[in-house]
């Protein structure tokens, strides 16, 4: 059987990237569900969503930038 990851760090990195991408898509779909409605968004969940999106974009951009520099 062919191995997909050479070590545990590569596996962890892939799991983190999958979690961040799926979470970002989930947050986007949550906001789409509220179109054409007046909805009150509480501060605390909004704060967590915003923090998650900032961390997600920063991490994914850093990883993409890191891979383009090597070539």
PDB file of N, CA and C in Angstrom:
ATOM      1  N   UNK A   1       0.826  -1.169   0.000  1.00  0.00           N
ATOM      2  CA  UNK A   1       0.000   0.000   0.000  1.00  0.00           C
ATOM      3  C   UNK A   1       0.881   1.246   0.000  1.00  0.00           C
ATOM      4  N   UNK A   2       0.550   2.195  -0.858  1.00  0.00           N
ATOM      5  CA  UNK A   2       1.334   3.415  -0.970  1.00  0.00           C
ATOM      6  C   UNK A   2       0.967   4.379   0.157  1.00  0.00           C
ATOM      7  N   UNK A   3       1.982   4.955   0.792  1.00  0.00           N
ATOM      8  CA  UNK A   3       1.725   5.909   1.870  1.00  0.00           C
ATOM      9  C   UNK A   3       1.500   7.296   1.288  1.00  0.00           C
ATOM     10  N   UNK A   4       0.555   8.019   1.865  1.00  0.00           N
ATOM     11  CA  UNK A   4       0.252   9.375   1.402  1.00  0.00           C
ATOM     12  C   UNK A   4       1.080  10.431   2.123  1.00  0.00           C
ATOM     13  N   UNK A   5       1.468  10.137   3.348  1.00  0.00           N
ATOM     14  CA  UNK A   5       2.222  11.091   4.156  1.00  0.00           C
ATOM     15  C   UNK A   5       3.496  10.429   4.655  1.00  0.00           C
ATOM     16  N   UNK A   6       4.569  11.182   4.586  1.00  0.00           N
ATOM     17  CA  UNK A   6       5.847  10.638   5.019  1.00  0.00           C
ATOM     18  C   UNK A   6       6.003  10.635   6.539  1.00  0.00           C
ATOM     19  N   UNK A   7       5.332  11.582   7.210  1.00  0.00           N
ATOM     20  CA  UNK A   7       5.425  11.631   8.675  1.00  0.00           C
ATOM     21  C   UNK A   7       4.136  12.215   9.254  1.00  0.00           C
ATOM     22  N   UNK A   8       4.065  12.264  10.588  1.00  0.00           N
ATOM     23  CA  UNK A   8       2.856  12.723  11.269  1.00  0.00           C
ATOM     24  C   UNK A   8       2.610  14.209  11.043  1.00  0.00           C
ATOM     25  N   UNK A   9       3.665  14.996  10.834  1.00  0.00           N
ATOM     26  CA  UNK A   9       3.497  16.434  10.601  1.00  0.00           C
ATOM     27  C   UNK A   9       2.747  16.707   9.298  1.00  0.00           C
ATOM     28  N   UNK A  10       3.041  15.943   8.271  1.00  0.00           N
ATOM     29  CA  UNK A  10       2.326  16.117   6.998  1.00  0.00           C
ATOM     30  C   UNK A  10       0.852  15.747   7.146  1.00  0.00           C
ATOM     31  N   UNK A  11       0.574  14.674   7.880  1.00  0.00           N
ATOM     32  CA  UNK A  11      -0.807  14.279   8.132  1.00  0.00           C
ATOM     33  C   UNK A  11      -1.540  15.358   8.927  1.00  0.00           C
ATOM     34  N   UNK A  12      -0.922  15.884   9.965  1.00  0.00           N
ATOM     35  CA  UNK A  12      -1.521  16.939  10.771  1.00  0.00           C
ATOM     36  C   UNK A  12      -1.765  18.188   9.932  1.00  0.00           C
ATOM     37  N   UNK A  13      -0.820  18.539   9.081  1.00  0.00           N
ATOM     38  CA  UNK A  13      -0.962  19.702   8.217  1.00  0.00           C
ATOM     39  C   UNK A  13      -2.160  19.532   7.276  1.00  0.00           C
ATOM     40  N   UNK A  14      -2.303  18.373   6.686  1.00  0.00           N
ATOM     41  CA  UNK A  14      -3.445  18.121   5.807  1.00  0.00           C
ATOM     42  C   UNK A  14      -4.771  18.175   6.567  1.00  0.00           C
ATOM     43  N   UNK A  15      -4.799  17.626   7.773  1.00  0.00           N
ATOM     44  CA  UNK A  15      -6.023  17.666   8.584  1.00  0.00           C
ATOM     45  C   UNK A  15      -6.397  19.103   8.953  1.00  0.00           C
ATOM     46  N   UNK A  16      -5.410  19.910   9.307  1.00  0.00           N
ATOM     47  CA  UNK A  16      -5.663  21.311   9.636  1.00  0.00           C
ATOM     48  C   UNK A  16      -6.197  22.048   8.419  1.00  0.00           C
ATOM     49  N   UNK A  17      -5.596  21.839   7.251  1.00  0.00           N
ATOM     50  CA  UNK A  17      -6.055  22.518   6.048  1.00  0.00           C
ATOM     51  C   UNK A  17      -7.477  22.116   5.675  1.00  0.00           C
ATOM     52  N   UNK A  18      -7.799  20.839   5.798  1.00  0.00           N
ATOM     53  CA  UNK A  18      -9.161  20.380   5.500  1.00  0.00           C
ATOM     54  C   UNK A  18     -10.155  21.012   6.464  1.00  0.00           C
ATOM     55  N   UNK A  19      -9.805  21.060   7.752  1.00  0.00           N
ATOM     56  CA  UNK A  19     -10.676  21.672   8.755  1.00  0.00           C
ATOM     57  C   UNK A  19     -10.899  23.149   8.463  1.00  0.00           C
ATOM     58  N   UNK A  20      -9.856  23.874   8.115  1.00  0.00           N
ATOM     59  CA  UNK A  20      -9.977  25.308   7.849  1.00  0.00           C
ATOM     60  C   UNK A  20     -10.804  25.587   6.595  1.00  0.00           C
ATOM     61  N   UNK A  21     -10.586  24.825   5.553  1.00  0.00           N
ATOM     62  CA  UNK A  21     -11.353  25.030   4.323  1.00  0.00           C
ATOM     63  C   UNK A  21     -12.824  24.697   4.534  1.00  0.00           C
ATOM     64  N   UNK A  22     -13.102  23.566   5.174  1.00  0.00           N
ATOM     65  CA  UNK A  22     -14.500  23.180   5.424  1.00  0.00           C
ATOM     66  C   UNK A  22     -15.184  24.158   6.373  1.00  0.00           C
ATOM     67  N   UNK A  23     -14.472  24.639   7.374  1.00  0.00           N
ATOM     68  CA  UNK A  23     -15.039  25.626   8.295  1.00  0.00           C
ATOM     69  C   UNK A  23     -15.354  26.934   7.606  1.00  0.00           C
ATOM     70  N   UNK A  24     -14.478  27.373   6.719  1.00  0.00           N
ATOM     71  CA  UNK A  24     -14.715  28.612   5.970  1.00  0.00           C
ATOM     72  C   UNK A  24     -15.929  28.463   5.067  1.00  0.00           C
ATOM     73  N   UNK A  25     -16.048  27.344   4.402  1.00  0.00           N
ATOM     74  CA  UNK A  25     -17.214  27.093   3.549  1.00  0.00           C
ATOM     75  C   UNK A  25     -18.484  27.037   4.397  1.00  0.00           C
ATOM     76  N   UNK A  26     -18.411  26.410   5.558  1.00  0.00           N
ATOM     77  CA  UNK A  26     -19.559  26.330   6.455  1.00  0.00           C
ATOM     78  C   UNK A  26     -20.025  27.693   6.935  1.00  0.00           C
ATOM     79  N   UNK A  27     -19.095  28.571   7.282  1.00  0.00           N
ATOM     80  CA  UNK A  27     -19.455  29.923   7.710  1.00  0.00           C
ATOM     81  C   UNK A  27     -20.090  30.683   6.554  1.00  0.00           C
ATOM     82  N   UNK A  28     -19.552  30.523   5.359  1.00  0.00           N
ATOM     83  CA  UNK A  28     -20.125  31.201   4.192  1.00  0.00           C
ATOM     84  C   UNK A  28     -21.546  30.709   3.926  1.00  0.00           C
ATOM     85  N   UNK A  29     -21.770  29.419   4.032  1.00  0.00           N
ATOM     86  CA  UNK A  29     -23.111  28.874   3.800  1.00  0.00           C
ATOM     87  C   UNK A  29     -24.095  29.309   4.888  1.00  0.00           C
ATOM     88  N   UNK A  30     -23.593  29.503   6.102  1.00  0.00           N
ATOM     89  CA  UNK A  30     -24.452  29.974   7.191  1.00  0.00           C
ATOM     90  C   UNK A  30     -24.989  31.362   6.868  1.00  0.00           C
ATOM     91  N   UNK A  31     -24.150  32.240   6.349  1.00  0.00           N
ATOM     92  CA  UNK A  31     -24.588  33.597   6.033  1.00  0.00           C
ATOM     93  C   UNK A  31     -25.508  33.622   4.820  1.00  0.00           C
ATOM     94  N   UNK A  32     -25.318  32.722   3.879  1.00  0.00           N
ATOM     95  CA  UNK A  32     -26.195  32.664   2.708  1.00  0.00           C
ATOM     96  C   UNK A  32     -27.621  32.306   3.123  1.00  0.00           C
ATOM     97  N   UNK A  33     -27.756  31.497   4.163  1.00  0.00           N
ATOM     98  CA  UNK A  33     -29.084  31.092   4.624  1.00  0.00           C
ATOM     99  C   UNK A  33     -29.902  32.265   5.153  1.00  0.00           C
ATOM    100  N   UNK A  34     -29.256  33.363   5.518  1.00  0.00           N
ATOM    101  CA  UNK A  34     -29.955  34.505   6.088  1.00  0.00           C
ATOM    102  C   UNK A  34     -30.245  35.613   5.084  1.00  0.00           C
ATOM    103  N   UNK A  35     -30.003  35.397   3.790  1.00  0.00           N
ATOM    104  CA  UNK A  35     -30.319  36.419   2.791  1.00  0.00           C
ATOM    105  C   UNK A  35     -31.815  36.679   2.772  1.00  0.00           C
ATOM    106  N   UNK A  36     -32.206  37.895   2.511  1.00  0.00           N
ATOM    107  CA  UNK A  36     -33.605  38.328   2.446  1.00  0.00           C
ATOM    108  C   UNK A  36     -34.326  38.201   3.780  1.00  0.00           C
ATOM    109  N   UNK A  37     -33.608  38.234   4.877  1.00  0.00           N
ATOM    110  CA  UNK A  37     -34.217  38.190   6.204  1.00  0.00           C
ATOM    111  C   UNK A  37     -33.499  39.195   7.099  1.00  0.00           C
ATOM    112  N   UNK A  38     -34.226  39.739   8.033  1.00  0.00           N
ATOM    113  CA  UNK A  38     -33.614  40.598   9.043  1.00  0.00           C
ATOM    114  C   UNK A  38     -33.279  39.715  10.233  1.00  0.00           C
ATOM    115  N   UNK A  39     -31.991  39.569  10.508  1.00  0.00           N
ATOM    116  CA  UNK A  39     -31.547  38.655  11.549  1.00  0.00           C
ATOM    117  C   UNK A  39     -30.585  39.394  12.470  1.00  0.00           C
ATOM    118  N   UNK A  40     -30.749  39.193  13.760  1.00  0.00           N
ATOM    119  CA  UNK A  40     -29.814  39.749  14.742  1.00  0.00           C
ATOM    120  C   UNK A  40     -28.680  38.753  14.946  1.00  0.00           C
ATOM    121  N   UNK A  41     -27.476  39.201  14.732  1.00  0.00           N
ATOM    122  CA  UNK A  41     -26.303  38.364  14.954  1.00  0.00           C
ATOM    123  C   UNK A  41     -25.673  38.755  16.283  1.00  0.00           C
ATOM    124  N   UNK A  42     -25.693  37.886  17.273  1.00  0.00           N
ATOM    125  CA  UNK A  42     -25.081  38.198  18.571  1.00  0.00           C
ATOM    126  C   UNK A  42     -23.582  38.440  18.418  1.00  0.00           C
ATOM    127  N   UNK A  43     -23.035  39.213  19.303  1.00  0.00           N
ATOM    128  CA  UNK A  43     -21.631  39.615  19.211  1.00  0.00           C
ATOM    129  C   UNK A  43     -20.677  38.446  19.380  1.00  0.00           C
ATOM    130  N   UNK A  44     -20.907  37.604  20.369  1.00  0.00           N
ATOM    131  CA  UNK A  44     -19.928  36.552  20.656  1.00  0.00           C
ATOM    132  C   UNK A  44     -19.776  35.542  19.518  1.00  0.00           C
ATOM    133  N   UNK A  45     -20.868  34.966  18.962  1.00  0.00           N
ATOM    134  CA  UNK A  45     -20.669  34.050  17.832  1.00  0.00           C
ATOM    135  C   UNK A  45     -20.073  34.753  16.609  1.00  0.00           C
ATOM    136  N   UNK A  46     -20.452  35.997  16.396  1.00  0.00           N
ATOM    137  CA  UNK A  46     -19.862  36.755  15.294  1.00  0.00           C
ATOM    138  C   UNK A  46     -18.367  36.937  15.500  1.00  0.00           C
ATOM    139  N   UNK A  47     -17.974  37.182  16.736  1.00  0.00           N
ATOM    140  CA  UNK A  47     -16.560  37.346  17.068  1.00  0.00           C
ATOM    141  C   UNK A  47     -15.792  36.054  16.794  1.00  0.00           C
ATOM    142  N   UNK A  48     -16.371  34.912  17.170  1.00  0.00           N
ATOM    143  CA  UNK A  48     -15.714  33.628  16.922  1.00  0.00           C
ATOM    144  C   UNK A  48     -15.616  33.321  15.429  1.00  0.00           C
ATOM    145  N   UNK A  49     -16.689  33.619  14.685  1.00  0.00           N
ATOM    146  CA  UNK A  49     -16.653  33.405  13.237  1.00  0.00           C
ATOM    147  C   UNK A  49     -15.584  34.279  12.587  1.00  0.00           C
ATOM    148  N   UNK A  50     -15.524  35.528  12.990  1.00  0.00           N
ATOM    149  CA  UNK A  50     -14.528  36.443  12.420  1.00  0.00           C
ATOM    150  C   UNK A  50     -13.109  36.003  12.755  1.00  0.00           C
ATOM    151  N   UNK A  51     -12.887  35.593  13.997  1.00  0.00           N
ATOM    152  CA  UNK A  51     -11.553  35.132  14.393  1.00  0.00           C
ATOM    153  C   UNK A  51     -11.169  33.875  13.612  1.00  0.00           C
ATOM    154  N   UNK A  52     -12.117  32.947  13.443  1.00  0.00           N
ATOM    155  CA  UNK A  52     -11.839  31.732  12.682  1.00  0.00           C
ATOM    156  C   UNK A  52     -11.481  32.072  11.236  1.00  0.00           C
ATOM    157  N   UNK A  53     -12.237  32.984  10.617  1.00  0.00           N
ATOM    158  CA  UNK A  53     -11.957  33.356   9.230  1.00  0.00           C
ATOM    159  C   UNK A  53     -10.592  34.032   9.090  1.00  0.00           C
ATOM    160  N   UNK A  54     -10.240  34.887  10.030  1.00  0.00           N
ATOM    161  CA  UNK A  54      -8.937  35.564   9.977  1.00  0.00           C
ATOM    162  C   UNK A  54      -7.810  34.547  10.128  1.00  0.00           C
ATOM    163  N   UNK A  55      -7.936  33.642  11.081  1.00  0.00           N
ATOM    164  CA  UNK A  55      -6.905  32.617  11.280  1.00  0.00           C
ATOM    165  C   UNK A  55      -6.826  31.698  10.066  1.00  0.00           C
ATOM    166  N   UNK A  56      -7.963  31.326   9.534  1.00  0.00           N
ATOM    167  CA  UNK A  56      -8.009  30.428   8.385  1.00  0.00           C
ATOM    168  C   UNK A  56      -7.336  31.045   7.162  1.00  0.00           C
ATOM    169  N   UNK A  57      -7.706  32.262   6.841  1.00  0.00           N
ATOM    170  CA  UNK A  57      -7.133  32.934   5.663  1.00  0.00           C
ATOM    171  C   UNK A  57      -5.639  33.161   5.849  1.00  0.00           C
ATOM    172  N   UNK A  58      -5.234  33.552   7.041  1.00  0.00           N
ATOM    173  CA  UNK A  58      -3.813  33.788   7.304  1.00  0.00           C
ATOM    174  C   UNK A  58      -3.011  32.496   7.154  1.00  0.00           C
ATOM    175  N   UNK A  59      -3.493  31.413   7.734  1.00  0.00           N
ATOM    176  CA  UNK A  59      -2.772  30.139   7.658  1.00  0.00           C
ATOM    177  C   UNK A  59      -2.710  29.616   6.220  1.00  0.00           C
ATOM    178  N   UNK A  60      -3.846  29.632   5.531  1.00  0.00           N
ATOM    179  CA  UNK A  60      -3.867  29.102   4.167  1.00  0.00           C
ATOM    180  C   UNK A  60      -3.039  29.959   3.213  1.00  0.00           C
ATOM    181  N   UNK A  61      -3.057  31.277   3.398  1.00  0.00           N
ATOM    182  CA  UNK A  61      -2.228  32.149   2.561  1.00  0.00           C
ATOM    183  C   UNK A  61      -0.748  31.930   2.848  1.00  0.00           C
ATOM    184  N   UNK A  62      -0.408  31.736   4.125  1.00  0.00           N
ATOM    185  CA  UNK A  62       0.982  31.481   4.487  1.00  0.00           C
ATOM    186  C   UNK A  62       1.473  30.163   3.879  1.00  0.00           C
ATOM    187  N   UNK A  63       0.619  29.125   3.933  1.00  0.00           N
ATOM    188  CA  UNK A  63       1.008  27.846   3.343  1.00  0.00           C
ATOM    189  C   UNK A  63       1.133  27.944   1.819  1.00  0.00           C
ATOM    190  N   UNK A  64       0.208  28.666   1.175  1.00  0.00           N
ATOM    191  CA  UNK A  64       0.284  28.818  -0.272  1.00  0.00           C
ATOM    192  C   UNK A  64       1.527  29.625  -0.670  1.00  0.00           C
ATOM    193  N   UNK A  65       1.836  30.645   0.080  1.00  0.00           N
ATOM    194  CA  UNK A  65       3.005  31.467  -0.208  1.00  0.00           C
ATOM    195  C   UNK A  65       4.291  30.667   0.000  1.00  0.00           C
ATOM    196  N   UNK A  66       4.305  29.838   1.034  1.00  0.00           N
ATOM    197  CA  UNK A  66       5.478  29.015   1.349  1.00  0.00           C
ATOM    198  C   UNK A  66       5.757  28.023   0.224  1.00  0.00           C
ATOM    199  N   UNK A  67       4.705  27.446  -0.372  1.00  0.00           N
ATOM    200  CA  UNK A  67       4.899  26.477  -1.446  1.00  0.00           C
ATOM    201  C   UNK A  67       5.288  27.135  -2.764  1.00  0.00           C
ATOM    202  N   UNK A  68       4.902  28.370  -3.001  1.00  0.00           N
ATOM    203  CA  UNK A  68       5.278  29.031  -4.253  1.00  0.00           C
ATOM    204  C   UNK A  68       6.708  29.546  -4.202  1.00  0.00           C
ATOM    205  N   UNK A  69       7.235  29.805  -3.031  1.00  0.00           N
ATOM    206  CA  UNK A  69       8.604  30.301  -2.911  1.00  0.00           C
ATOM    207  C   UNK A  69       9.636  29.225  -3.229  1.00  0.00           C
ATOM    208  N   UNK A  70       9.333  27.964  -2.917  1.00  0.00           N
ATOM    209  CA  UNK A  70      10.295  26.890  -3.111  1.00  0.00           C
ATOM    210  C   UNK A  70      10.638  26.646  -4.567  1.00  0.00           C
ATOM    211  N   UNK A  71       9.706  26.897  -5.449  1.00  0.00           N
ATOM    212  CA  UNK A  71       9.920  26.556  -6.862  1.00  0.00           C
ATOM    213  C   UNK A  71      10.744  27.561  -7.585  1.00  0.00           C
TER     214      UNK A  71
END
